[in-house]
Amino acid sequence: HTELYRGAEYVVDFLPKIKLELVVGDDLVEASMEAIIKA
């Protein structure tokens, strides 16, 4: 997106995100995905 700083417009190409990594047993995969999606 574009932002304005001290009157000058500039493009922010990369947006801040959070990457989560978790290892779960096969029995928790669907529940984990649903919890992440919902939250």
All heavy atoms as atom14 arrays in JSON, in Angstrom:
{
  "sequence": "HTELYRGAEYVVDFLPKIKLELVVGDDLVEASMEAIIKA",
  "atom14_mask": [
    [1, 1, 1, 1, 1, 1, 1, 1, 1, 1, 0, 0, 0, 0],
    [1, 1, 1, 1, 1, 1, 1, 0, 0, 0, 0, 0, 0, 0],
    [1, 1, 1, 1, 1, 1, 1, 1, 1, 0, 0, 0, 0, 0],
    [1, 1, 1, 1, 1, 1, 1, 1, 0, 0, 0, 0, 0, 0],
    [1, 1, 1, 1, 1, 1, 1, 1, 1, 1, 1, 1, 0, 0],
    [1, 1, 1, 1, 1, 1, 1, 1, 1, 1, 1, 0, 0, 0],
    [1, 1, 1, 1, 0, 0, 0, 0, 0, 0, 0, 0, 0, 0],
    [1, 1, 1, 1, 1, 0, 0, 0, 0, 0, 0, 0, 0, 0],
    [1, 1, 1, 1, 1, 1, 1, 1, 1, 0, 0, 0, 0, 0],
    [1, 1, 1, 1, 1, 1, 1, 1, 1, 1, 1, 1, 0, 0],
    [1, 1, 1, 1, 1, 1, 1, 0, 0, 0, 0, 0, 0, 0],
    [1, 1, 1, 1, 1, 1, 1, 0, 0, 0, 0, 0, 0, 0],
    [1, 1, 1, 1, 1, 1, 1, 1, 0, 0, 0, 0, 0, 0],
    [1, 1, 1, 1, 1, 1, 1, 1, 1, 1, 1, 0, 0, 0],
    [1, 1, 1, 1, 1, 1, 1, 1, 0, 0, 0, 0, 0, 0],
    [1, 1, 1, 1, 1, 1, 1, 0, 0, 0, 0, 0, 0, 0],
    [1, 1, 1, 1, 1, 1, 1, 1, 1, 0, 0, 0, 0, 0],
    [1, 1, 1, 1, 1, 1, 1, 1, 0, 0, 0, 0, 0, 0],
    [1, 1, 1, 1, 1, 1, 1, 1, 1, 0, 0, 0, 0, 0],
    [1, 1, 1, 1, 1, 1, 1, 1, 0, 0, 0, 0, 0, 0],
    [1, 1, 1, 1, 1, 1, 1, 1, 1, 0, 0, 0, 0, 0],
    [1, 1, 1, 1, 1, 1, 1, 1, 0, 0, 0, 0, 0, 0],
    [1, 1, 1, 1, 1, 1, 1, 0, 0, 0, 0, 0, 0, 0],
    [1, 1, 1, 1, 1, 1, 1, 0, 0, 0, 0, 0, 0, 0],
    [1, 1, 1, 1, 0, 0, 0, 0, 0, 0, 0, 0, 0, 0],
    [1, 1, 1, 1, 1, 1, 1, 1, 0, 0, 0, 0, 0, 0],
    [1, 1, 1, 1, 1, 1, 1, 1, 0, 0, 0, 0, 0, 0],
    [1, 1, 1, 1, 1, 1, 1, 1, 0, 0, 0, 0, 0, 0],
    [1, 1, 1, 1, 1, 1, 1, 0, 0, 0, 0, 0, 0, 0],
    [1, 1, 1, 1, 1, 1, 1, 1, 1, 0, 0, 0, 0, 0],
    [1, 1, 1, 1, 1, 0, 0, 0, 0, 0, 0, 0, 0, 0],
    [1, 1, 1, 1, 1, 1, 0, 0, 0, 0, 0, 0, 0, 0],
    [1, 1, 1, 1, 1, 1, 1, 1, 0, 0, 0, 0, 0, 0],
    [1, 1, 1, 1, 1, 1, 1, 1, 1, 0, 0, 0, 0, 0],
    [1, 1, 1, 1, 1, 0, 0, 0, 0, 0, 0, 0, 0, 0],
    [1, 1, 1, 1, 1, 1, 1, 1, 0, 0, 0, 0, 0, 0],
    [1, 1, 1, 1, 1, 1, 1, 1, 0, 0, 0, 0, 0, 0],
    [1, 1, 1, 1, 1, 1, 1, 1, 1, 0, 0, 0, 0, 0],
    [1, 1, 1, 1, 1, 0, 0, 0, 0, 0, 0, 0, 0, 0]
  ],
  "atom14_positions": [
    [[0.85, -1.19, 0.0], [0.0, 0.0, 0.0], [0.88, 1.24, 0.0], [2.1, 1.16, 0.16], [-0.94, -0.01, 1.2], [-0.23, 0.07, 2.52], [0.26, -1.04, 3.15], [0.07, 1.11, 3.32], [0.84, -0.68, 4.29], [0.73, 0.62, 4.41], [0.0, 0.0, 0.0], [0.0, 0.0, 0.0], [0.0, 0.0, 0.0], [0.0, 0.0, 0.0]],
    [[0.27, 2.41, -0.18], [1.03, 3.66, -0.14], [0.77, 4.36, 1.18], [-0.32, 4.26, 1.76], [0.64, 4.59, -1.31], [-0.75, 4.85, -1.22], [0.96, 3.96, -2.65], [0.0, 0.0, 0.0], [0.0, 0.0, 0.0], [0.0, 0.0, 0.0], [0.0, 0.0, 0.0], [0.0, 0.0, 0.0], [0.0, 0.0, 0.0], [0.0, 0.0, 0.0]],
    [[1.78, 5.06, 1.68], [1.66, 5.83, 2.91], [2.2, 7.22, 2.68], [2.98, 7.46, 1.74], [2.44, 5.15, 4.05], [1.78, 3.89, 4.54], [2.44, 3.34, 5.8], [3.35, 4.0, 6.35], [2.03, 2.26, 6.23], [0.0, 0.0, 0.0], [0.0, 0.0, 0.0], [0.0, 0.0, 0.0], [0.0, 0.0, 0.0], [0.0, 0.0, 0.0]],
    [[1.82, 8.13, 3.54], [2.27, 9.51, 3.47], [3.18, 9.78, 4.65], [2.82, 9.5, 5.8], [1.06, 10.44, 3.5], [1.23, 11.84, 2.97], [1.64, 11.81, 1.49], [-0.06, 12.62, 3.12], [0.0, 0.0, 0.0], [0.0, 0.0, 0.0], [0.0, 0.0, 0.0], [0.0, 0.0, 0.0], [0.0, 0.0, 0.0], [0.0, 0.0, 0.0]],
    [[4.4, 10.26, 4.42], [5.34, 10.58, 5.48], [5.96, 11.93, 5.18], [6.62, 12.11, 4.17], [6.42, 9.5, 5.59], [7.43, 9.78, 6.67], [7.09, 9.68, 8.01], [8.72, 10.18, 6.35], [8.0, 9.94, 9.0], [9.66, 10.44, 7.33], [9.29, 10.32, 8.67], [10.21, 10.59, 9.66], [0.0, 0.0, 0.0], [0.0, 0.0, 0.0]],
    [[5.72, 12.9, 6.07], [6.23, 14.27, 5.91], [5.92, 14.84, 4.53], [6.79, 15.41, 3.87], [7.72, 14.31, 6.19], [8.04, 14.02, 7.64], [9.48, 14.28, 7.94], [9.74, 14.05, 9.36], [10.89, 14.25, 9.93], [11.92, 14.68, 9.22], [11.05, 14.02, 11.21], [0.0, 0.0, 0.0], [0.0, 0.0, 0.0], [0.0, 0.0, 0.0]],
    [[4.71, 14.6, 4.09], [4.27, 15.16, 2.83], [4.67, 14.37, 1.6], [4.24, 14.67, 0.49], [0.0, 0.0, 0.0], [0.0, 0.0, 0.0], [0.0, 0.0, 0.0], [0.0, 0.0, 0.0], [0.0, 0.0, 0.0], [0.0, 0.0, 0.0], [0.0, 0.0, 0.0], [0.0, 0.0, 0.0], [0.0, 0.0, 0.0], [0.0, 0.0, 0.0]],
    [[5.5, 13.36, 1.77], [5.93, 12.56, 0.63], [5.2, 11.21, 0.65], [5.08, 10.58, 1.7], [7.44, 12.33, 0.68], [0.0, 0.0, 0.0], [0.0, 0.0, 0.0], [0.0, 0.0, 0.0], [0.0, 0.0, 0.0], [0.0, 0.0, 0.0], [0.0, 0.0, 0.0], [0.0, 0.0, 0.0], [0.0, 0.0, 0.0], [0.0, 0.0, 0.0]],
    [[4.72, 10.8, -0.48], [4.03, 9.52, -0.6], [5.05, 8.45, -0.99], [5.9, 8.68, -1.83], [2.95, 9.63, -1.69], [2.0, 8.46, -1.69], [0.86, 8.66, -2.66], [-0.13, 9.33, -2.3], [0.96, 8.15, -3.79], [0.0, 0.0, 0.0], [0.0, 0.0, 0.0], [0.0, 0.0, 0.0], [0.0, 0.0, 0.0], [0.0, 0.0, 0.0]],
    [[4.98, 7.31, -0.32], [5.88, 6.21, -0.68], [5.13, 4.88, -0.6], [4.11, 4.77, 0.07], [7.13, 6.2, 0.21], [6.88, 5.9, 1.66], [7.08, 4.61, 2.17], [6.45, 6.89, 2.54], [6.86, 4.33, 3.49], [6.22, 6.61, 3.87], [6.43, 5.33, 4.34], [6.2, 5.05, 5.66], [0.0, 0.0, 0.0], [0.0, 0.0, 0.0]],
    [[5.65, 3.91, -1.31], [5.0, 2.6, -1.41], [5.62, 1.64, -0.4], [6.84, 1.53, -0.3], [5.15, 2.03, -2.84], [4.55, 0.64, -2.94], [4.51, 2.97, -3.85], [0.0, 0.0, 0.0], [0.0, 0.0, 0.0], [0.0, 0.0, 0.0], [0.0, 0.0, 0.0], [0.0, 0.0, 0.0], [0.0, 0.0, 0.0], [0.0, 0.0, 0.0]],
    [[4.77, 0.96, 0.35], [5.2, -0.1, 1.26], [4.88, -1.41, 0.55], [3.72, -1.81, 0.45], [4.46, -0.01, 2.61], [4.88, -1.16, 3.51], [4.73, 1.31, 3.28], [0.0, 0.0, 0.0], [0.0, 0.0, 0.0], [0.0, 0.0, 0.0], [0.0, 0.0, 0.0], [0.0, 0.0, 0.0], [0.0, 0.0, 0.0], [0.0, 0.0, 0.0]],
    [[5.92, -2.05, 0.0], [5.73, -3.28, -0.77], [5.47, -4.49, 0.12], [4.66, -5.35, -0.2], [6.96, -3.57, -1.64], [7.09, -2.57, -2.77], [6.05, -2.12, -3.29], [8.23, -2.23, -3.12], [0.0, 0.0, 0.0], [0.0, 0.0, 0.0], [0.0, 0.0, 0.0], [0.0, 0.0, 0.0], [0.0, 0.0, 0.0], [0.0, 0.0, 0.0]],
    [[6.19, -4.58, 1.23], [6.08, -5.75, 2.1], [5.38, -5.35, 3.39], [5.82, -4.44, 4.08], [7.48, -6.32, 2.4], [8.16, -6.84, 1.19], [9.16, -6.09, 0.56], [7.82, -8.06, 0.65], [9.79, -6.56, -0.57], [8.45, -8.54, -0.48], [9.43, -7.79, -1.08], [0.0, 0.0, 0.0], [0.0, 0.0, 0.0], [0.0, 0.0, 0.0]],
    [[4.31, -6.06, 3.7], [3.51, -5.75, 4.88], [3.92, -6.64, 6.04], [4.27, -7.81, 5.85], [2.03, -5.97, 4.56], [1.51, -5.13, 3.39], [0.11, -5.56, 3.02], [1.54, -3.66, 3.75], [0.0, 0.0, 0.0], [0.0, 0.0, 0.0], [0.0, 0.0, 0.0], [0.0, 0.0, 0.0], [0.0, 0.0, 0.0], [0.0, 0.0, 0.0]],
    [[3.88, -6.11, 7.26], [4.25, -6.93, 8.43], [3.21, -8.01, 8.68], [2.0, -7.76, 8.62], [4.29, -5.92, 9.58], [3.46, -4.78, 9.12], [3.53, -4.76, 7.63], [0.0, 0.0, 0.0], [0.0, 0.0, 0.0], [0.0, 0.0, 0.0], [0.0, 0.0, 0.0], [0.0, 0.0, 0.0], [0.0, 0.0, 0.0], [0.0, 0.0, 0.0]],
    [[3.69, -9.21, 8.92], [2.84, -10.37, 9.22], [3.47, -11.16, 10.35], [4.62, -10.94, 10.72], [2.69, -11.27, 7.99], [2.09, -10.61, 6.77], [0.61, -10.39, 6.94], [0.03, -9.77, 5.67], [-1.39, -9.55, 5.79], [0.0, 0.0, 0.0], [0.0, 0.0, 0.0], [0.0, 0.0, 0.0], [0.0, 0.0, 0.0], [0.0, 0.0, 0.0]],
    [[2.74, -12.11, 10.86], [3.23, -13.05, 11.88], [3.15, -14.45, 11.28], [2.12, -14.83, 10.71], [2.39, -12.99, 13.16], [2.52, -11.63, 13.84], [2.76, -14.12, 14.12], [3.88, -11.35, 14.46], [0.0, 0.0, 0.0], [0.0, 0.0, 0.0], [0.0, 0.0, 0.0], [0.0, 0.0, 0.0], [0.0, 0.0, 0.0], [0.0, 0.0, 0.0]],
    [[4.23, -15.21, 11.42], [4.23, -16.59, 10.95], [4.26, -17.51, 12.17], [5.15, -17.41, 13.01], [5.46, -16.86, 10.07], [5.52, -18.27, 9.54], [6.75, -18.44, 8.66], [6.89, -19.83, 8.13], [8.12, -19.98, 7.34], [0.0, 0.0, 0.0], [0.0, 0.0, 0.0], [0.0, 0.0, 0.0], [0.0, 0.0, 0.0], [0.0, 0.0, 0.0]],
    [[3.27, -18.37, 12.26], [3.19, -19.37, 13.33], [3.6, -20.71, 12.77], [3.19, -21.07, 11.66], [1.76, -19.48, 13.86], [1.08, -18.22, 14.37], [-0.36, -18.52, 14.68], [1.79, -17.72, 15.59], [0.0, 0.0, 0.0], [0.0, 0.0, 0.0], [0.0, 0.0, 0.0], [0.0, 0.0, 0.0], [0.0, 0.0, 0.0], [0.0, 0.0, 0.0]],
    [[4.36, -21.46, 13.53], [4.73, -22.82, 13.14], [4.41, -23.72, 14.32], [4.82, -23.45, 15.45], [6.21, -22.9, 12.8], [6.6, -22.08, 11.59], [8.09, -22.1, 11.34], [8.55, -23.01, 10.64], [8.77, -21.2, 11.87], [0.0, 0.0, 0.0], [0.0, 0.0, 0.0], [0.0, 0.0, 0.0], [0.0, 0.0, 0.0], [0.0, 0.0, 0.0]],
    [[3.66, -24.79, 14.06], [3.37, -25.75, 15.1], [3.32, -27.14, 14.51], [2.95, -27.32, 13.36], [2.05, -25.42, 15.81], [0.81, -25.18, 14.98], [-0.4, -25.71, 15.72], [0.63, -23.69, 14.74], [0.0, 0.0, 0.0], [0.0, 0.0, 0.0], [0.0, 0.0, 0.0], [0.0, 0.0, 0.0], [0.0, 0.0, 0.0], [0.0, 0.0, 0.0]],
    [[3.74, -28.11, 15.3], [3.68, -29.51, 14.9], [2.68, -30.19, 15.82], [2.78, -30.1, 17.04], [5.07, -30.19, 14.99], [4.95, -31.67, 14.66], [6.04, -29.5, 14.05], [0.0, 0.0, 0.0], [0.0, 0.0, 0.0], [0.0, 0.0, 0.0], [0.0, 0.0, 0.0], [0.0, 0.0, 0.0], [0.0, 0.0, 0.0], [0.0, 0.0, 0.0]],
    [[1.7, -30.85, 15.21], [0.63, -31.5, 15.98], [0.43, -32.92, 15.49], [0.78, -33.26, 14.36], [-0.7, -30.71, 15.88], [-0.58, -29.33, 16.49], [-1.19, -30.62, 14.46], [0.0, 0.0, 0.0], [0.0, 0.0, 0.0], [0.0, 0.0, 0.0], [0.0, 0.0, 0.0], [0.0, 0.0, 0.0], [0.0, 0.0, 0.0], [0.0, 0.0, 0.0]],
    [[-0.15, -33.73, 16.35], [-0.52, -35.09, 15.95], [-1.65, -35.03, 14.93], [-2.37, -34.04, 14.83], [0.0, 0.0, 0.0], [0.0, 0.0, 0.0], [0.0, 0.0, 0.0], [0.0, 0.0, 0.0], [0.0, 0.0, 0.0], [0.0, 0.0, 0.0], [0.0, 0.0, 0.0], [0.0, 0.0, 0.0], [0.0, 0.0, 0.0], [0.0, 0.0, 0.0]],
    [[-1.79, -36.11, 14.18], [-2.82, -36.15, 13.13], [-4.22, -35.88, 13.68], [-5.08, -35.34, 12.97], [-2.78, -37.5, 12.41], [-1.5, -37.67, 11.6], [-0.94, -36.65, 11.16], [-1.08, -38.82, 11.4], [0.0, 0.0, 0.0], [0.0, 0.0, 0.0], [0.0, 0.0, 0.0], [0.0, 0.0, 0.0], [0.0, 0.0, 0.0], [0.0, 0.0, 0.0]],
    [[-4.47, -36.22, 14.94], [-5.78, -36.03, 15.54], [-6.11, -34.56, 15.81], [-7.27, -34.2, 15.97], [-5.89, -36.83, 16.84], [-4.81, -36.47, 17.85], [-3.69, -36.12, 17.43], [-5.09, -36.53, 19.06], [0.0, 0.0, 0.0], [0.0, 0.0, 0.0], [0.0, 0.0, 0.0], [0.0, 0.0, 0.0], [0.0, 0.0, 0.0], [0.0, 0.0, 0.0]],
    [[-5.1, -33.68, 15.84], [-5.33, -32.26, 16.13], [-5.25, -31.35, 14.91], [-5.43, -30.15, 15.03], [-4.3, -31.76, 17.16], [-4.64, -31.95, 18.62], [-3.51, -31.43, 19.51], [-5.94, -31.28, 18.99], [0.0, 0.0, 0.0], [0.0, 0.0, 0.0], [0.0, 0.0, 0.0], [0.0, 0.0, 0.0], [0.0, 0.0, 0.0], [0.0, 0.0, 0.0]],
    [[-4.97, -31.92, 13.74], [-4.74, -31.08, 12.55], [-5.98, -30.27, 12.19], [-5.92, -29.04, 12.05], [-4.27, -31.93, 11.35], [-4.18, -31.08, 10.09], [-2.93, -32.56, 11.64], [0.0, 0.0, 0.0], [0.0, 0.0, 0.0], [0.0, 0.0, 0.0], [0.0, 0.0, 0.0], [0.0, 0.0, 0.0], [0.0, 0.0, 0.0], [0.0, 0.0, 0.0]],
    [[-7.12, -30.94, 12.03], [-8.34, -30.24, 11.62], [-8.77, -29.2, 12.65], [-9.13, -28.08, 12.31], [-9.48, -31.24, 11.37], [-9.29, -32.09, 10.13], [-9.24, -31.28, 8.84], [-9.99, -30.29, 8.71], [-8.44, -31.64, 7.97], [0.0, 0.0, 0.0], [0.0, 0.0, 0.0], [0.0, 0.0, 0.0], [0.0, 0.0, 0.0], [0.0, 0.0, 0.0]],
    [[-8.73, -29.58, 13.93], [-9.13, -28.65, 14.99], [-8.2, -27.45, 15.03], [-8.65, -26.32, 15.26], [-9.14, -29.37, 16.34], [0.0, 0.0, 0.0], [0.0, 0.0, 0.0], [0.0, 0.0, 0.0], [0.0, 0.0, 0.0], [0.0, 0.0, 0.0], [0.0, 0.0, 0.0], [0.0, 0.0, 0.0], [0.0, 0.0, 0.0], [0.0, 0.0, 0.0]],
    [[-6.91, -27.67, 14.81], [-5.95, -26.57, 14.81], [-6.21, -25.6, 13.66], [-6.2, -24.38, 13.84], [-4.51, -27.1, 14.7], [-4.19, -27.9, 15.8], [0.0, 0.0, 0.0], [0.0, 0.0, 0.0], [0.0, 0.0, 0.0], [0.0, 0.0, 0.0], [0.0, 0.0, 0.0], [0.0, 0.0, 0.0], [0.0, 0.0, 0.0], [0.0, 0.0, 0.0]],
    [[-6.45, -26.14, 12.47], [-6.74, -25.28, 11.33], [-8.03, -24.48, 11.56], [-8.07, -23.28, 11.28], [-6.86, -26.12, 10.04], [-5.53, -26.68, 9.58], [-5.6, -27.43, 7.94], [-6.9, -28.61, 8.1], [0.0, 0.0, 0.0], [0.0, 0.0, 0.0], [0.0, 0.0, 0.0], [0.0, 0.0, 0.0], [0.0, 0.0, 0.0], [0.0, 0.0, 0.0]],
    [[-9.05, -25.13, 12.08], [-10.32, -24.44, 12.34], [-10.13, -23.33, 13.38], [-10.69, -22.24, 13.25], [-11.38, -25.42, 12.79], [-11.87, -26.32, 11.67], [-12.82, -27.42, 12.15], [-13.36, -27.3, 13.28], [-13.01, -28.39, 11.41], [0.0, 0.0, 0.0], [0.0, 0.0, 0.0], [0.0, 0.0, 0.0], [0.0, 0.0, 0.0], [0.0, 0.0, 0.0]],
    [[-9.34, -23.61, 14.42], [-9.1, -22.6, 15.46], [-8.36, -21.39, 14.89], [-8.71, -20.25, 15.2], [-8.29, -23.22, 16.61], [0.0, 0.0, 0.0], [0.0, 0.0, 0.0], [0.0, 0.0, 0.0], [0.0, 0.0, 0.0], [0.0, 0.0, 0.0], [0.0, 0.0, 0.0], [0.0, 0.0, 0.0], [0.0, 0.0, 0.0], [0.0, 0.0, 0.0]],
    [[-7.37, -21.64, 14.04], [-6.63, -20.54, 13.43], [-7.54, -19.73, 12.52], [-7.56, -18.49, 12.57], [-5.4, -21.07, 12.65], [-4.38, -21.68, 13.6], [-4.75, -19.94, 11.83], [-3.29, -22.49, 12.92], [0.0, 0.0, 0.0], [0.0, 0.0, 0.0], [0.0, 0.0, 0.0], [0.0, 0.0, 0.0], [0.0, 0.0, 0.0], [0.0, 0.0, 0.0]],
    [[-8.31, -20.41, 11.69], [-9.21, -19.71, 10.76], [-10.21, -18.84, 11.53], [-10.4, -17.67, 11.21], [-9.95, -20.71, 9.85], [-8.96, -21.36, 8.88], [-11.09, -20.03, 9.09], [-9.51, -22.57, 8.15], [0.0, 0.0, 0.0], [0.0, 0.0, 0.0], [0.0, 0.0, 0.0], [0.0, 0.0, 0.0], [0.0, 0.0, 0.0], [0.0, 0.0, 0.0]],
    [[-10.82, -19.42, 12.55], [-11.83, -18.69, 13.31], [-11.23, -17.47, 14.02], [-11.81, -16.39, 14.01], [-12.49, -19.63, 14.31], [-13.64, -19.01, 15.06], [-14.31, -20.03, 15.97], [-15.44, -19.38, 16.76], [-16.04, -20.29, 17.72], [0.0, 0.0, 0.0], [0.0, 0.0, 0.0], [0.0, 0.0, 0.0], [0.0, 0.0, 0.0], [0.0, 0.0, 0.0]],
    [[-10.06, -17.64, 14.63], [-9.45, -16.56, 15.41], [-8.79, -15.5, 14.54], [-8.74, -14.33, 14.93], [-8.43, -17.14, 16.39], [0.0, 0.0, 0.0], [0.0, 0.0, 0.0], [0.0, 0.0, 0.0], [0.0, 0.0, 0.0], [0.0, 0.0, 0.0], [0.0, 0.0, 0.0], [0.0, 0.0, 0.0], [0.0, 0.0, 0.0], [0.0, 0.0, 0.0]]
  ]
}
